[in-house]
N, C-alpha and C. Protein backbone atom coordinates (compact mmCIF):
# COMPACT_ATOMS: atom_id res chain seq x y z
N MET A 1 20.16 -77.78 32.15
CA MET A 1 21.24 -78.66 32.54
C MET A 1 22.10 -78.95 31.33
N SER A 2 23.38 -78.78 31.46
CA SER A 2 24.31 -79.05 30.38
C SER A 2 24.77 -80.49 30.45
N MET A 3 24.68 -81.19 29.32
CA MET A 3 25.13 -82.57 29.27
C MET A 3 26.52 -82.65 28.71
N VAL A 4 27.41 -83.29 29.42
CA VAL A 4 28.76 -83.50 28.94
C VAL A 4 28.87 -84.96 28.54
N PRO A 5 29.05 -85.24 27.25
CA PRO A 5 29.16 -86.63 26.82
C PRO A 5 30.36 -87.29 27.48
N LEU A 6 30.15 -88.46 28.03
CA LEU A 6 31.24 -89.20 28.66
C LEU A 6 31.95 -90.06 27.63
N ARG A 7 31.20 -90.92 27.01
CA ARG A 7 31.70 -91.80 25.96
C ARG A 7 30.48 -92.48 25.36
N PRO A 8 30.56 -92.94 24.11
CA PRO A 8 29.41 -93.65 23.56
C PRO A 8 29.12 -94.91 24.38
N VAL A 9 27.85 -95.28 24.46
CA VAL A 9 27.47 -96.50 25.15
C VAL A 9 28.09 -97.68 24.41
N ALA A 10 28.45 -98.70 25.15
CA ALA A 10 29.12 -99.87 24.58
C ALA A 10 28.41 -100.38 23.34
N SER A 11 29.17 -100.74 22.35
CA SER A 11 28.59 -101.16 21.08
C SER A 11 28.30 -102.66 21.04
N ASP A 12 28.30 -103.32 22.19
CA ASP A 12 28.02 -104.75 22.21
C ASP A 12 26.53 -105.05 22.26
N GLY A 13 25.69 -104.02 22.17
CA GLY A 13 24.25 -104.21 22.17
C GLY A 13 23.66 -104.39 23.56
N ALA A 14 24.44 -104.14 24.60
CA ALA A 14 23.95 -104.33 25.96
C ALA A 14 23.34 -103.04 26.49
N PHE A 15 22.01 -102.97 26.45
CA PHE A 15 21.27 -101.82 26.99
C PHE A 15 20.21 -102.37 27.93
N PRO A 16 20.61 -102.80 29.12
CA PRO A 16 19.60 -103.38 30.02
C PRO A 16 18.59 -102.34 30.45
N PRO A 17 17.35 -102.74 30.65
CA PRO A 17 16.35 -101.81 31.15
C PRO A 17 16.84 -101.15 32.43
N GLY A 18 16.54 -99.86 32.55
CA GLY A 18 16.97 -99.11 33.71
C GLY A 18 18.23 -98.30 33.49
N THR A 19 18.95 -98.56 32.38
CA THR A 19 20.16 -97.81 32.08
C THR A 19 19.79 -96.37 31.73
N ARG A 20 20.47 -95.41 32.34
CA ARG A 20 20.26 -93.99 32.04
C ARG A 20 21.17 -93.61 30.89
N VAL A 21 20.61 -92.92 29.89
CA VAL A 21 21.37 -92.49 28.73
C VAL A 21 21.04 -91.05 28.39
N GLY A 22 21.92 -90.42 27.62
CA GLY A 22 21.68 -89.08 27.14
C GLY A 22 21.75 -89.03 25.63
N HIS A 23 20.93 -88.19 25.04
CA HIS A 23 20.89 -87.98 23.59
C HIS A 23 21.11 -86.49 23.35
N ARG A 24 21.86 -86.15 22.33
CA ARG A 24 22.22 -84.75 22.07
C ARG A 24 21.00 -83.85 21.91
N THR A 25 19.95 -84.33 21.28
CA THR A 25 18.76 -83.51 21.03
C THR A 25 17.66 -83.74 22.06
N TRP A 26 17.43 -84.99 22.46
CA TRP A 26 16.30 -85.33 23.32
C TRP A 26 16.62 -85.33 24.81
N GLY A 27 17.87 -85.14 25.18
CA GLY A 27 18.24 -85.09 26.59
C GLY A 27 18.36 -86.46 27.23
N GLU A 28 18.09 -86.50 28.53
CA GLU A 28 18.26 -87.73 29.29
C GLU A 28 17.03 -88.61 29.24
N GLY A 29 17.28 -89.92 29.35
CA GLY A 29 16.19 -90.87 29.36
C GLY A 29 16.62 -92.17 30.00
N GLU A 30 15.66 -93.08 30.09
CA GLU A 30 15.90 -94.39 30.69
C GLU A 30 15.51 -95.48 29.71
N VAL A 31 16.40 -96.45 29.54
CA VAL A 31 16.11 -97.58 28.66
C VAL A 31 14.97 -98.38 29.26
N MET A 32 13.95 -98.59 28.45
CA MET A 32 12.79 -99.37 28.89
C MET A 32 12.88 -100.81 28.41
N SER A 33 13.40 -101.00 27.17
CA SER A 33 13.53 -102.36 26.64
C SER A 33 14.51 -102.37 25.48
N GLU A 34 15.07 -103.55 25.24
CA GLU A 34 15.91 -103.81 24.08
C GLU A 34 15.44 -105.12 23.49
N GLU A 35 15.01 -105.07 22.24
CA GLU A 35 14.52 -106.27 21.58
C GLU A 35 15.08 -106.33 20.17
N GLY A 36 15.81 -107.39 19.90
CA GLY A 36 16.42 -107.53 18.58
C GLY A 36 17.35 -106.37 18.31
N ASN A 37 17.10 -105.67 17.21
CA ASN A 37 17.97 -104.54 16.86
C ASN A 37 17.32 -103.19 17.17
N ARG A 38 16.40 -103.19 18.15
CA ARG A 38 15.73 -101.95 18.54
C ARG A 38 15.84 -101.73 20.04
N ILE A 39 15.88 -100.47 20.44
CA ILE A 39 15.92 -100.09 21.84
C ILE A 39 14.85 -99.03 22.07
N THR A 40 14.09 -99.17 23.14
CA THR A 40 13.06 -98.18 23.48
C THR A 40 13.50 -97.44 24.72
N ILE A 41 13.48 -96.11 24.62
CA ILE A 41 13.92 -95.24 25.70
C ILE A 41 12.80 -94.26 26.03
N LEU A 42 12.60 -94.02 27.33
CA LEU A 42 11.65 -93.00 27.77
C LEU A 42 12.47 -91.76 28.11
N PHE A 43 12.40 -90.76 27.23
CA PHE A 43 13.12 -89.50 27.44
C PHE A 43 12.26 -88.56 28.27
N GLU A 44 12.91 -87.81 29.15
CA GLU A 44 12.20 -86.91 30.05
C GLU A 44 11.45 -85.80 29.31
N THR A 45 11.97 -85.34 28.18
CA THR A 45 11.36 -84.21 27.48
C THR A 45 10.46 -84.58 26.30
N VAL A 46 10.72 -85.72 25.65
CA VAL A 46 9.96 -86.05 24.43
C VAL A 46 9.21 -87.37 24.50
N GLY A 47 9.27 -88.05 25.64
CA GLY A 47 8.55 -89.31 25.77
C GLY A 47 9.30 -90.49 25.17
N TYR A 48 8.54 -91.50 24.76
CA TYR A 48 9.13 -92.73 24.25
C TYR A 48 9.68 -92.56 22.85
N ARG A 49 10.85 -93.15 22.63
CA ARG A 49 11.44 -93.20 21.30
C ARG A 49 12.03 -94.60 21.11
N THR A 50 11.78 -95.20 19.96
CA THR A 50 12.36 -96.50 19.64
C THR A 50 13.42 -96.25 18.57
N LEU A 51 14.64 -96.68 18.86
CA LEU A 51 15.78 -96.41 17.99
C LEU A 51 16.38 -97.70 17.47
N SER A 52 17.00 -97.60 16.33
CA SER A 52 17.72 -98.71 15.73
C SER A 52 19.08 -98.85 16.42
N LEU A 53 19.36 -100.03 16.99
CA LEU A 53 20.65 -100.23 17.65
C LEU A 53 21.83 -100.05 16.70
N PRO A 54 21.77 -100.55 15.47
CA PRO A 54 22.90 -100.31 14.57
C PRO A 54 23.15 -98.81 14.34
N ALA A 55 22.10 -98.00 14.23
CA ALA A 55 22.27 -96.56 14.03
C ALA A 55 22.81 -95.91 15.30
N VAL A 56 22.31 -96.31 16.46
CA VAL A 56 22.80 -95.78 17.74
C VAL A 56 24.29 -96.05 17.87
N GLN A 57 24.69 -97.26 17.56
CA GLN A 57 26.09 -97.67 17.71
C GLN A 57 26.98 -97.01 16.66
N ALA A 58 26.55 -96.98 15.42
CA ALA A 58 27.37 -96.41 14.34
C ALA A 58 27.57 -94.91 14.50
N ARG A 59 26.56 -94.22 15.02
CA ARG A 59 26.61 -92.77 15.12
C ARG A 59 26.92 -92.25 16.52
N GLY A 60 27.07 -93.16 17.48
CA GLY A 60 27.34 -92.74 18.86
C GLY A 60 26.25 -91.84 19.40
N LEU A 61 24.98 -92.22 19.17
CA LEU A 61 23.86 -91.35 19.52
C LEU A 61 23.58 -91.25 21.01
N LEU A 62 23.99 -92.23 21.78
CA LEU A 62 23.70 -92.23 23.21
C LEU A 62 24.97 -92.21 24.03
N THR A 63 24.92 -91.51 25.16
CA THR A 63 26.03 -91.50 26.11
C THR A 63 25.49 -91.93 27.47
N PRO A 64 26.30 -92.61 28.26
CA PRO A 64 25.83 -93.02 29.58
C PRO A 64 25.65 -91.81 30.49
N VAL A 65 24.67 -91.90 31.36
CA VAL A 65 24.40 -90.83 32.34
C VAL A 65 24.39 -91.50 33.71
N PRO A 66 25.11 -90.94 34.68
CA PRO A 66 25.07 -91.54 36.03
C PRO A 66 23.64 -91.59 36.55
N SER A 67 23.31 -92.66 37.25
CA SER A 67 21.97 -92.76 37.82
C SER A 67 21.78 -91.68 38.88
N THR A 68 20.54 -91.31 39.11
CA THR A 68 20.25 -90.24 40.08
C THR A 68 20.68 -90.65 41.48
N ALA A 69 20.78 -91.93 41.75
CA ALA A 69 21.19 -92.40 43.07
C ALA A 69 22.65 -92.09 43.36
N THR A 70 23.47 -91.93 42.29
CA THR A 70 24.89 -91.70 42.49
C THR A 70 25.30 -90.26 42.23
N ARG A 71 24.36 -89.39 41.88
CA ARG A 71 24.68 -88.00 41.63
C ARG A 71 24.87 -87.24 42.93
N ASN A 72 25.73 -86.24 42.91
CA ASN A 72 25.94 -85.40 44.09
C ASN A 72 25.13 -84.13 43.98
């Protein structure tokens, strides 16, 4: 599956659990939690990864992915 980046996820630190995101290397995943300056995502191919929110925001590491409920 080819991922087309839509836009970086909002830099306001809002990553509610359940948000679908994409990463250039790790593919698609779902936000499991956001605590302080860290976000934990369960990626489909590599499992859980905890990332630094400042690094995610500064480098545009995540892009939003439409939820499976809205895909055609």
